Amino acid sequence: MRDYAPTEPRENGDNIIVHIDPAFEPLVPRFLANRKKEVAAMYEALAQQNLRPPLGSLMA
């Protein structure tokens, strides 16, 4: 598993490079798109000061 762990985050804002098992490559675009939607929803909730997790959220 360690072979696929992300590199350390960079303070200068450069991209973080991760290495994944090739079997997971087809899943990455959809996974990242979903995370992008979640971040947008979190920003919106924060802007509205709505700090309750949505129904069905893993953050419950």
C-alpha atoms as a PDB file:
ATOM      1  CA  MET A   1       0.000   0.000   0.000  1.00  0.00           C
ATOM      2  CA  ARG A   2       2.870   2.345   0.754  1.00  0.00           C
ATOM      3  CA  ASP A   3       3.810   2.280  -2.936  1.00  0.00           C
ATOM      4  CA  TYR A   4       0.576   4.084  -3.715  1.00  0.00           C
ATOM      5  CA  ALA A   5       0.541   6.638  -0.904  1.00  0.00           C
ATOM      6  CA  PRO A   6       0.522  10.348  -1.849  1.00  0.00           C
ATOM      7  CA  THR A   7       3.662  12.409  -1.609  1.00  0.00           C
ATOM      8  CA  GLU A   8       3.952  15.014   1.113  1.00  0.00           C
ATOM      9  CA  PRO A   9       1.850  18.159   0.496  1.00  0.00           C
ATOM     10  CA  ARG A  10       3.791  21.106  -0.831  1.00  0.00           C
ATOM     11  CA  GLU A  11       3.535  24.511   0.833  1.00  0.00           C
ATOM     12  CA  ASN A  12       4.085  26.382  -2.443  1.00  0.00           C
ATOM     13  CA  GLY A  13       0.798  25.183  -3.951  1.00  0.00           C
ATOM     14  CA  ASP A  14       2.325  22.786  -6.483  1.00  0.00           C
ATOM     15  CA  ASN A  15       0.272  19.771  -7.441  1.00  0.00           C
ATOM     16  CA  ILE A  16       0.533  16.695  -5.290  1.00  0.00           C
ATOM     17  CA  ILE A  17       1.466  13.618  -7.267  1.00  0.00           C
ATOM     18  CA  VAL A  18      -0.025  10.277  -6.306  1.00  0.00           C
ATOM     19  CA  HIS A  19       0.671   6.844  -7.715  1.00  0.00           C
ATOM     20  CA  ILE A  20      -2.240   4.443  -7.915  1.00  0.00           C
ATOM     21  CA  ASP A  21      -2.703   0.865  -8.944  1.00  0.00           C
ATOM     22  CA  PRO A  22      -3.434   0.838 -12.688  1.00  0.00           C
ATOM     23  CA  ALA A  23      -6.638  -1.095 -12.002  1.00  0.00           C
ATOM     24  CA  PHE A  24      -8.080   2.041 -10.372  1.00  0.00           C
ATOM     25  CA  GLU A  25      -7.180   4.453 -13.193  1.00  0.00           C
ATOM     26  CA  PRO A  26     -10.614   4.272 -14.875  1.00  0.00           C
ATOM     27  CA  LEU A  27     -12.248   5.321 -11.594  1.00  0.00           C
ATOM     28  CA  VAL A  28     -10.129   8.418 -10.983  1.00  0.00           C
ATOM     29  CA  PRO A  29     -11.933  11.007 -13.189  1.00  0.00           C
ATOM     30  CA  ARG A  30     -15.339  10.273 -11.646  1.00  0.00           C
ATOM     31  CA  PHE A  31     -13.854  10.132  -8.134  1.00  0.00           C
ATOM     32  CA  LEU A  32     -12.189  13.531  -8.553  1.00  0.00           C
ATOM     33  CA  ALA A  33     -15.327  15.048 -10.087  1.00  0.00           C
ATOM     34  CA  ASN A  34     -17.348  13.887  -7.076  1.00  0.00           C
ATOM     35  CA  ARG A  35     -14.789  15.314  -4.646  1.00  0.00           C
ATOM     36  CA  LYS A  36     -14.894  18.634  -6.540  1.00  0.00           C
ATOM     37  CA  LYS A  37     -18.698  18.719  -6.145  1.00  0.00           C
ATOM     38  CA  GLU A  38     -18.358  17.970  -2.427  1.00  0.00           C
ATOM     39  CA  VAL A  39     -15.867  20.804  -1.938  1.00  0.00           C
ATOM     40  CA  ALA A  40     -18.187  23.217  -3.759  1.00  0.00           C
ATOM     41  CA  ALA A  41     -21.079  22.095  -1.534  1.00  0.00           C
ATOM     42  CA  MET A  42     -18.931  22.603   1.572  1.00  0.00           C
ATOM     43  CA  TYR A  43     -17.994  26.136   0.482  1.00  0.00           C
ATOM     44  CA  GLU A  44     -21.663  26.910  -0.152  1.00  0.00           C
ATOM     45  CA  ALA A  45     -22.706  25.530   3.230  1.00  0.00           C
ATOM     46  CA  LEU A  46     -19.966  27.514   4.926  1.00  0.00           C
ATOM     47  CA  ALA A  47     -21.039  30.702   3.135  1.00  0.00           C
ATOM     48  CA  GLN A  48     -24.574  30.119   4.416  1.00  0.00           C
ATOM     49  CA  GLN A  49     -23.255  29.167   7.867  1.00  0.00           C
ATOM     50  CA  ASN A  50     -25.027  25.829   7.478  1.00  0.00           C
ATOM     51  CA  LEU A  51     -22.705  23.485   9.312  1.00  0.00           C
ATOM     52  CA  ARG A  52     -25.113  20.548   9.501  1.00  0.00           C
ATOM     53  CA  PRO A  53     -24.069  17.582   7.391  1.00  0.00           C
ATOM     54  CA  PRO A  54     -26.468  16.737   4.563  1.00  0.00           C
ATOM     55  CA  LEU A  55     -28.642  13.640   4.840  1.00  0.00           C
ATOM     56  CA  GLY A  56     -26.761  10.565   3.750  1.00  0.00           C
ATOM     57  CA  SER A  57     -23.414  12.215   4.346  1.00  0.00           C
ATOM     58  CA  LEU A  58     -20.463  10.290   5.684  1.00  0.00           C
ATOM     59  CA  MET A  59     -19.704  13.271   7.937  1.00  0.00           C
ATOM     60  CA  ALA A  60     -22.667  12.484  10.182  1.00  0.00           C
END
